[in-house]
PDB file of N, CA and C in Angstrom:
ATOM      1  N   MET A   1       0.842  -1.172   0.000  1.00  0.00           N
ATOM      2  CA  MET A   1       0.000   0.000   0.000  1.00  0.00           C
ATOM      3  C   MET A   1       0.888   1.237   0.000  1.00  0.00           C
ATOM      4  N   ALA A   2       0.376   2.297  -0.564  1.00  0.00           N
ATOM      5  CA  ALA A   2       1.156   3.507  -0.737  1.00  0.00           C
ATOM      6  C   ALA A   2       1.423   4.225   0.580  1.00  0.00           C
ATOM      7  N   ASP A   3       0.473   4.198   1.489  1.00  0.00           N
ATOM      8  CA  ASP A   3       0.707   4.886   2.758  1.00  0.00           C
ATOM      9  C   ASP A   3       1.097   3.895   3.843  1.00  0.00           C
ATOM     10  N   ASP A   4       1.489   4.435   4.966  1.00  0.00           N
ATOM     11  CA  ASP A   4       1.985   3.602   6.063  1.00  0.00           C
ATOM     12  C   ASP A   4       0.906   3.194   7.056  1.00  0.00           C
ATOM     13  N   GLN A   5      -0.328   3.425   6.725  1.00  0.00           N
ATOM     14  CA  GLN A   5      -1.416   3.116   7.645  1.00  0.00           C
ATOM     15  C   GLN A   5      -1.570   1.602   7.785  1.00  0.00           C
ATOM     16  N   ARG A   6      -1.637   1.129   9.010  1.00  0.00           N
ATOM     17  CA  ARG A   6      -1.821  -0.299   9.286  1.00  0.00           C
ATOM     18  C   ARG A   6      -3.193  -0.731   8.801  1.00  0.00           C
ATOM     19  N   LEU A   7      -3.273  -1.902   8.216  1.00  0.00           N
ATOM     20  CA  LEU A   7      -4.547  -2.411   7.715  1.00  0.00           C
ATOM     21  C   LEU A   7      -5.196  -3.307   8.748  1.00  0.00           C
ATOM     22  N   TRP A   8      -6.522  -3.288   8.767  1.00  0.00           N
ATOM     23  CA  TRP A   8      -7.305  -4.126   9.673  1.00  0.00           C
ATOM     24  C   TRP A   8      -7.799  -5.356   8.943  1.00  0.00           C
ATOM     25  N   GLY A   9      -7.743  -6.488   9.643  1.00  0.00           N
ATOM     26  CA  GLY A   9      -8.367  -7.707   9.171  1.00  0.00           C
ATOM     27  C   GLY A   9      -9.703  -7.887   9.873  1.00  0.00           C
ATOM     28  N   TYR A  10     -10.270  -9.081   9.740  1.00  0.00           N
ATOM     29  CA  TYR A  10     -11.553  -9.345  10.388  1.00  0.00           C
ATOM     30  C   TYR A  10     -11.544  -9.099  11.899  1.00  0.00           C
ATOM     31  N   PRO A  11     -10.506  -9.532  12.629  1.00  0.00           N
ATOM     32  CA  PRO A  11     -10.545  -9.319  14.095  1.00  0.00           C
ATOM     33  C   PRO A  11     -10.593  -7.841  14.490  1.00  0.00           C
ATOM     34  N   GLU A  12      -9.816  -7.008  13.802  1.00  0.00           N
ATOM     35  CA  GLU A  12      -9.794  -5.587  14.134  1.00  0.00           C
ATOM     36  C   GLU A  12     -11.109  -4.899  13.761  1.00  0.00           C
ATOM     37  N   VAL A  13     -11.655  -5.269  12.613  1.00  0.00           N
ATOM     38  CA  VAL A  13     -12.942  -4.697  12.197  1.00  0.00           C
ATOM     39  C   VAL A  13     -14.031  -5.120  13.185  1.00  0.00           C
ATOM     40  N   ALA A  14     -14.022  -6.391  13.575  1.00  0.00           N
ATOM     41  CA  ALA A  14     -15.013  -6.890  14.530  1.00  0.00           C
ATOM     42  C   ALA A  14     -14.922  -6.130  15.853  1.00  0.00           C
ATOM     43  N   ALA A  15     -13.706  -5.909  16.339  1.00  0.00           N
ATOM     44  CA  ALA A  15     -13.526  -5.178  17.591  1.00  0.00           C
ATOM     45  C   ALA A  15     -14.027  -3.744  17.451  1.00  0.00           C
ATOM     46  N   HIS A  16     -13.742  -3.123  16.328  1.00  0.00           N
ATOM     47  CA  HIS A  16     -14.187  -1.748  16.100  1.00  0.00           C
ATOM     48  C   HIS A  16     -15.716  -1.655  16.076  1.00  0.00           C
ATOM     49  N   LEU A  17     -16.366  -2.637  15.445  1.00  0.00           N
ATOM     50  CA  LEU A  17     -17.821  -2.628  15.332  1.00  0.00           C
ATOM     51  C   LEU A  17     -18.513  -3.200  16.565  1.00  0.00           C
ATOM     52  N   GLY A  18     -17.758  -3.867  17.430  1.00  0.00           N
ATOM     53  CA  GLY A  18     -18.349  -4.452  18.634  1.00  0.00           C
ATOM     54  C   GLY A  18     -19.161  -5.703  18.347  1.00  0.00           C
ATOM     55  N   ILE A  19     -18.734  -6.462  17.337  1.00  0.00           N
ATOM     56  CA  ILE A  19     -19.416  -7.708  16.972  1.00  0.00           C
ATOM     57  C   ILE A  19     -18.383  -8.824  16.877  1.00  0.00           C
ATOM     58  N   SER A  20     -18.839 -10.046  16.689  1.00  0.00           N
ATOM     59  CA  SER A  20     -17.920 -11.177  16.594  1.00  0.00           C
ATOM     60  C   SER A  20     -17.257 -11.221  15.220  1.00  0.00           C
ATOM     61  N   VAL A  21     -16.165 -11.957  15.145  1.00  0.00           N
ATOM     62  CA  VAL A  21     -15.472 -12.133  13.867  1.00  0.00           C
ATOM     63  C   VAL A  21     -16.399 -12.841  12.881  1.00  0.00           C
ATOM     64  N   GLY A  22     -17.159 -13.823  13.360  1.00  0.00           N
ATOM     65  CA  GLY A  22     -18.109 -14.528  12.494  1.00  0.00           C
ATOM     66  C   GLY A  22     -19.153 -13.591  11.911  1.00  0.00           C
ATOM     67  N   ALA A  23     -19.660 -12.682  12.745  1.00  0.00           N
ATOM     68  CA  ALA A  23     -20.648 -11.711  12.273  1.00  0.00           C
ATOM     69  C   ALA A  23     -20.016 -10.754  11.256  1.00  0.00           C
ATOM     70  N   THR A  24     -18.757 -10.415  11.471  1.00  0.00           N
ATOM     71  CA  THR A  24     -18.049  -9.541  10.533  1.00  0.00           C
ATOM     72  C   THR A  24     -17.895 -10.230   9.189  1.00  0.00           C
ATOM     73  N   ARG A  25     -17.506 -11.498   9.205  1.00  0.00           N
ATOM     74  CA  ARG A  25     -17.389 -12.255   7.949  1.00  0.00           C
ATOM     75  C   ARG A  25     -18.741 -12.341   7.241  1.00  0.00           C
ATOM     76  N   SER A  26     -19.783 -12.555   8.015  1.00  0.00           N
ATOM     77  CA  SER A  26     -21.123 -12.642   7.448  1.00  0.00           C
ATOM     78  C   SER A  26     -21.520 -11.323   6.797  1.00  0.00           C
ATOM     79  N   ARG A  27     -21.250 -10.217   7.481  1.00  0.00           N
ATOM     80  CA  ARG A  27     -21.580  -8.910   6.901  1.00  0.00           C
ATOM     81  C   ARG A  27     -20.793  -8.662   5.623  1.00  0.00           C
ATOM     82  N   LYS A  28     -19.541  -9.092   5.605  1.00  0.00           N
ATOM     83  CA  LYS A  28     -18.723  -8.937   4.388  1.00  0.00           C
ATOM     84  C   LYS A  28     -19.338  -9.735   3.248  1.00  0.00           C
ATOM     85  N   SER A  29     -19.736 -10.960   3.516  1.00  0.00           N
ATOM     86  CA  SER A  29     -20.297 -11.812   2.457  1.00  0.00           C
ATOM     87  C   SER A  29     -21.640 -11.290   1.957  1.00  0.00           C
ATOM     88  N   ARG A  30     -22.388 -10.580   2.809  1.00  0.00           N
ATOM     89  CA  ARG A  30     -23.672  -9.996   2.397  1.00  0.00           C
ATOM     90  C   ARG A  30     -23.507  -8.639   1.741  1.00  0.00           C
ATOM     91  N   GLY A  31     -22.279  -8.117   1.747  1.00  0.00           N
ATOM     92  CA  GLY A  31     -22.046  -6.801   1.177  1.00  0.00           C
ATOM     93  C   GLY A  31     -22.392  -5.675   2.114  1.00  0.00           C
ATOM     94  N   SER A  32     -22.436  -5.959   3.427  1.00  0.00           N
ATOM     95  CA  SER A  32     -22.808  -4.954   4.416  1.00  0.00           C
ATOM     96  C   SER A  32     -21.607  -4.246   5.033  1.00  0.00           C
ATOM     97  N   LEU A  33     -20.424  -4.465   4.480  1.00  0.00           N
ATOM     98  CA  LEU A  33     -19.227  -3.753   4.912  1.00  0.00           C
ATOM     99  C   LEU A  33     -18.710  -2.959   3.722  1.00  0.00           C
ATOM    100  N   PRO A  34     -17.909  -1.925   3.970  1.00  0.00           N
ATOM    101  CA  PRO A  34     -17.313  -1.225   2.831  1.00  0.00           C
ATOM    102  C   PRO A  34     -16.376  -2.167   2.073  1.00  0.00           C
ATOM    103  N   SER A  35     -16.134  -1.864   0.838  1.00  0.00           N
ATOM    104  CA  SER A  35     -15.205  -2.672   0.038  1.00  0.00           C
ATOM    105  C   SER A  35     -13.825  -2.636   0.679  1.00  0.00           C
ATOM    106  N   PRO A  36     -13.128  -3.780   0.697  1.00  0.00           N
ATOM    107  CA  PRO A  36     -11.782  -3.804   1.283  1.00  0.00           C
ATOM    108  C   PRO A  36     -10.834  -2.883   0.515  1.00  0.00           C
ATOM    109  N   ASP A  37      -9.889  -2.318   1.233  1.00  0.00           N
ATOM    110  CA  ASP A  37      -8.866  -1.496   0.594  1.00  0.00           C
ATOM    111  C   ASP A  37      -7.772  -2.359  -0.012  1.00  0.00           C
ATOM    112  N   ASP A  38      -7.626  -3.576   0.490  1.00  0.00           N
ATOM    113  CA  ASP A  38      -6.634  -4.514  -0.036  1.00  0.00           C
ATOM    114  C   ASP A  38      -7.248  -5.912  -0.052  1.00  0.00           C
ATOM    115  N   ASP A  39      -7.400  -6.459  -1.223  1.00  0.00           N
ATOM    116  CA  ASP A  39      -7.907  -7.838  -1.323  1.00  0.00           C
ATOM    117  C   ASP A  39      -6.953  -8.686  -2.157  1.00  0.00           C
ATOM    118  N   SER A  40      -5.660  -8.382  -2.026  1.00  0.00           N
ATOM    119  CA  SER A  40      -4.647  -9.092  -2.808  1.00  0.00           C
ATOM    120  C   SER A  40      -4.427 -10.525  -2.330  1.00  0.00           C
ATOM    121  N   VAL A  41      -4.754 -10.814  -1.075  1.00  0.00           N
ATOM    122  CA  VAL A  41      -4.630 -12.167  -0.542  1.00  0.00           C
ATOM    123  C   VAL A  41      -6.034 -12.760  -0.473  1.00  0.00           C
ATOM    124  N   PRO A  42      -6.296 -13.835  -1.204  1.00  0.00           N
ATOM    125  CA  PRO A  42      -7.640 -14.439  -1.177  1.00  0.00           C
ATOM    126  C   PRO A  42      -8.078 -14.788   0.255  1.00  0.00           C
ATOM    127  N   ASP A  43      -9.334 -14.528   0.539  1.00  0.00           N
ATOM    128  CA  ASP A  43      -9.942 -14.819   1.842  1.00  0.00           C
ATOM    129  C   ASP A  43      -9.337 -14.032   3.004  1.00  0.00           C
ATOM    130  N   ARG A  44      -8.561 -12.993   2.728  1.00  0.00           N
ATOM    131  CA  ARG A  44      -7.973 -12.158   3.785  1.00  0.00           C
ATOM    132  C   ARG A  44      -8.088 -10.688   3.415  1.00  0.00           C
ATOM    133  N   PRO A  45      -9.311 -10.172   3.326  1.00  0.00           N
ATOM    134  CA  PRO A  45      -9.457  -8.758   2.984  1.00  0.00           C
ATOM    135  C   PRO A  45      -8.903  -7.877   4.106  1.00  0.00           C
ATOM    136  N   ARG A  46      -8.456  -6.706   3.731  1.00  0.00           N
ATOM    137  CA  ARG A  46      -7.912  -5.755   4.691  1.00  0.00           C
ATOM    138  C   ARG A  46      -8.504  -4.380   4.413  1.00  0.00           C
ATOM    139  N   TRP A  47      -8.748  -3.651   5.492  1.00  0.00           N
ATOM    140  CA  TRP A  47      -9.313  -2.310   5.394  1.00  0.00           C
ATOM    141  C   TRP A  47      -8.410  -1.323   6.114  1.00  0.00           C
ATOM    142  N   LYS A  48      -8.365  -0.100   5.598  1.00  0.00           N
ATOM    143  CA  LYS A  48      -7.706   0.988   6.318  1.00  0.00           C
ATOM    144  C   LYS A  48      -8.650   1.412   7.444  1.00  0.00           C
ATOM    145  N   PRO A  49      -8.112   1.734   8.606  1.00  0.00           N
ATOM    146  CA  PRO A  49      -8.987   2.237   9.675  1.00  0.00           C
ATOM    147  C   PRO A  49      -9.798   3.451   9.227  1.00  0.00           C
ATOM    148  N   SER A  50      -9.227   4.282   8.392  1.00  0.00           N
ATOM    149  CA  SER A  50      -9.940   5.483   7.934  1.00  0.00           C
ATOM    150  C   SER A  50     -11.171   5.134   7.097  1.00  0.00           C
ATOM    151  N   THR A  51     -11.215   3.930   6.540  1.00  0.00           N
ATOM    152  CA  THR A  51     -12.386   3.493   5.768  1.00  0.00           C
ATOM    153  C   THR A  51     -13.625   3.466   6.658  1.00  0.00           C
ATOM    154  N   PHE A  52     -13.437   3.178   7.942  1.00  0.00           N
ATOM    155  CA  PHE A  52     -14.563   3.072   8.873  1.00  0.00           C
ATOM    156  C   PHE A  52     -14.813   4.367   9.637  1.00  0.00           C
ATOM    157  N   GLN A  53     -14.014   5.404   9.380  1.00  0.00           N
ATOM    158  CA  GLN A  53     -14.140   6.645  10.137  1.00  0.00           C
ATOM    159  C   GLN A  53     -15.525   7.271  10.000  1.00  0.00           C
ATOM    160  N   ASN A  54     -16.037   7.428   8.814  1.00  0.00           N
ATOM    161  CA  ASN A  54     -17.357   8.039   8.612  1.00  0.00           C
ATOM    162  C   ASN A  54     -18.397   7.036   8.130  1.00  0.00           C
ATOM    163  N   TRP A  55     -18.033   5.775   8.052  1.00  0.00           N
ATOM    164  CA  TRP A  55     -18.936   4.739   7.569  1.00  0.00           C
ATOM    165  C   TRP A  55     -19.890   4.316   8.682  1.00  0.00           C
ATOM    166  N   ARG A  56     -21.138   4.128   8.312  1.00  0.00           N
ATOM    167  CA  ARG A  56     -22.143   3.639   9.258  1.00  0.00           C
ATOM    168  C   ARG A  56     -22.808   2.418   8.658  1.00  0.00           C
ATOM    169  N   PRO A  57     -22.947   1.351   9.440  1.00  0.00           N
ATOM    170  CA  PRO A  57     -23.605   0.156   8.914  1.00  0.00           C
ATOM    171  C   PRO A  57     -25.066   0.423   8.594  1.00  0.00           C
ATOM    172  N   VAL A  58     -25.571  -0.308   7.638  1.00  0.00           N
ATOM    173  CA  VAL A  58     -26.981  -0.234   7.288  1.00  0.00           C
ATOM    174  C   VAL A  58     -27.500  -1.651   7.147  1.00  0.00           C
ATOM    175  N   GLY A  59     -28.799  -1.769   7.175  1.00  0.00           N
ATOM    176  CA  GLY A  59     -29.377  -3.082   6.946  1.00  0.00           C
ATOM    177  C   GLY A  59     -30.036  -3.652   8.177  1.00  0.00           C
ATOM    178  N   ARG A  60     -30.418  -4.887   8.064  1.00  0.00           N
ATOM    179  CA  ARG A  60     -31.159  -5.581   9.093  1.00  0.00           C
ATOM    180  C   ARG A  60     -30.416  -5.610  10.419  1.00  0.00           C
ATOM    181  N   GLY A  61     -31.095  -5.209  11.466  1.00  0.00           N
ATOM    182  CA  GLY A  61     -30.515  -5.280  12.801  1.00  0.00           C
ATOM    183  C   GLY A  61     -29.754  -4.044  13.224  1.00  0.00           C
ATOM    184  N   PHE A  62     -29.549  -3.094  12.326  1.00  0.00           N
ATOM    185  CA  PHE A  62     -28.818  -1.893  12.701  1.00  0.00           C
ATOM    186  C   PHE A  62     -29.789  -0.791  13.048  1.00  0.00           C
ATOM    187  N   ARG A  63     -29.674  -0.250  14.246  1.00  0.00           N
ATOM    188  CA  ARG A  63     -30.560   0.816  14.711  1.00  0.00           C
ATOM    189  C   ARG A  63     -29.975   2.162  14.318  1.00  0.00           C
ATOM    190  N   SER A  64     -30.257   2.595  13.110  1.00  0.00           N
ATOM    191  CA  SER A  64     -29.715   3.867  12.640  1.00  0.00           C
ATOM    192  C   SER A  64     -30.244   5.033  13.457  1.00  0.00           C
ATOM    193  N   ASP A  65     -31.408   4.863  14.073  1.00  0.00           N
ATOM    194  CA  ASP A  65     -31.960   5.948  14.875  1.00  0.00           C
ATOM    195  C   ASP A  65     -31.131   6.214  16.130  1.00  0.00           C
ATOM    196  N   LEU A  66     -30.318   5.277  16.540  1.00  0.00           N
ATOM    197  CA  LEU A  66     -29.478   5.471  17.709  1.00  0.00           C
ATOM    198  C   LEU A  66     -28.221   6.271  17.385  1.00  0.00           C
ATOM    199  N   HIS A  67     -27.905   6.412  16.104  1.00  0.00           N
ATOM    200  CA  HIS A  67     -26.673   7.061  15.693  1.00  0.00           C
ATOM    201  C   HIS A  67     -26.919   8.371  14.965  1.00  0.00           C
ATOM    202  N   SER A  68     -28.123   8.809  14.894  1.00  0.00           N
ATOM    203  CA  SER A  68     -28.419  10.070  14.224  1.00  0.00           C
ATOM    204  C   SER A  68     -28.382  11.198  15.237  1.00  0.00           C
ATOM    205  N   SER A  69     -28.602  12.384  14.753  1.00  0.00           N
ATOM    206  CA  SER A  69     -28.606  13.523  15.661  1.00  0.00           C
ATOM    207  C   SER A  69     -29.806  13.421  16.599  1.00  0.00           C
ATOM    208  N   PRO A  70     -29.693  14.034  17.763  1.00  0.00           N
ATOM    209  CA  PRO A  70     -30.802  13.944  18.716  1.00  0.00           C
ATOM    210  C   PRO A  70     -32.048  14.637  18.174  1.00  0.00           C
ATOM    211  N   PRO A  71     -33.221  14.194  18.605  1.00  0.00           N
ATOM    212  CA  PRO A  71     -34.457  14.819  18.125  1.00  0.00           C
ATOM    213  C   PRO A  71     -34.533  16.269  18.584  1.00  0.00           C
ATOM    214  N   PRO A  72     -35.242  17.102  17.846  1.00  0.00           N
ATOM    215  CA  PRO A  72     -35.348  18.506  18.259  1.00  0.00           C
ATOM    216  C   PRO A  72     -36.051  18.619  19.605  1.00  0.00           C
ATOM    217  N   ARG A  73     -35.638  19.604  20.367  1.00  0.00           N
ATOM    218  CA  ARG A  73     -36.248  19.828  21.684  1.00  0.00           C
ATOM    219  C   ARG A  73     -37.638  20.393  21.515  1.00  0.00           C
ATOM    220  N   GLN A  74     -38.527  19.937  22.347  1.00  0.00           N
ATOM    221  CA  GLN A  74     -39.884  20.469  22.335  1.00  0.00           C
ATOM    222  C   GLN A  74     -40.022  21.450  23.489  1.00  0.00           C
ATOM    223  N   GLU A  75     -40.467  22.621  23.161  1.00  0.00           N
ATOM    224  CA  GLU A  75     -40.648  23.618  24.219  1.00  0.00           C
ATOM    225  C   GLU A  75     -41.957  23.337  24.943  1.00  0.00           C
ATOM    226  N   THR A  76     -41.901  23.487  26.233  1.00  0.00           N
ATOM    227  CA  THR A  76     -43.123  23.300  27.019  1.00  0.00           C
ATOM    228  C   THR A  76     -43.607  24.658  27.490  1.00  0.00           C
ATOM    229  N   THR A  77     -44.865  24.817  27.452  1.00  0.00           N
ATOM    230  CA  THR A  77     -45.467  26.068  27.937  1.00  0.00           C
ATOM    231  C   THR A  77     -46.349  25.734  29.126  1.00  0.00           C
ATOM    232  N   SER A  78     -46.288  26.546  30.096  1.00  0.00           N
ATOM    233  CA  SER A  78     -47.141  26.310  31.260  1.00  0.00           C
ATOM    234  C   SER A  78     -48.394  27.138  31.136  1.00  0.00           C
ATOM    235  N   THR A  79     -49.472  26.559  31.523  1.00  0.00           N
ATOM    236  CA  THR A  79     -50.751  27.273  31.513  1.00  0.00           C
ATOM    237  C   THR A  79     -51.182  27.494  32.945  1.00  0.00           C
ATOM    238  N   ASP A  80     -51.232  28.723  33.331  1.00  0.00           N
ATOM    239  CA  ASP A  80     -51.617  29.048  34.707  1.00  0.00           C
ATOM    240  C   ASP A  80     -53.022  29.561  34.774  1.00  0.00           C
TER     241      ASP A  80
END
């Protein structure tokens, strides 16, 4: 690779996402992960950590509502 950034394999990606390595492999096979930055070794894809910096998972089981901006505040009025 052109830069010196360390690449992540399945274990590092799994730790970053807070899921098991098996779940990470499953998401990769379903296309639910970003494309690997290095796939020169068969069955050993590698990603740059920066690939996951702004990436958010989508799809079944992901609660996107937990990662969005907070809902707007509702003003309360008192009636006396």
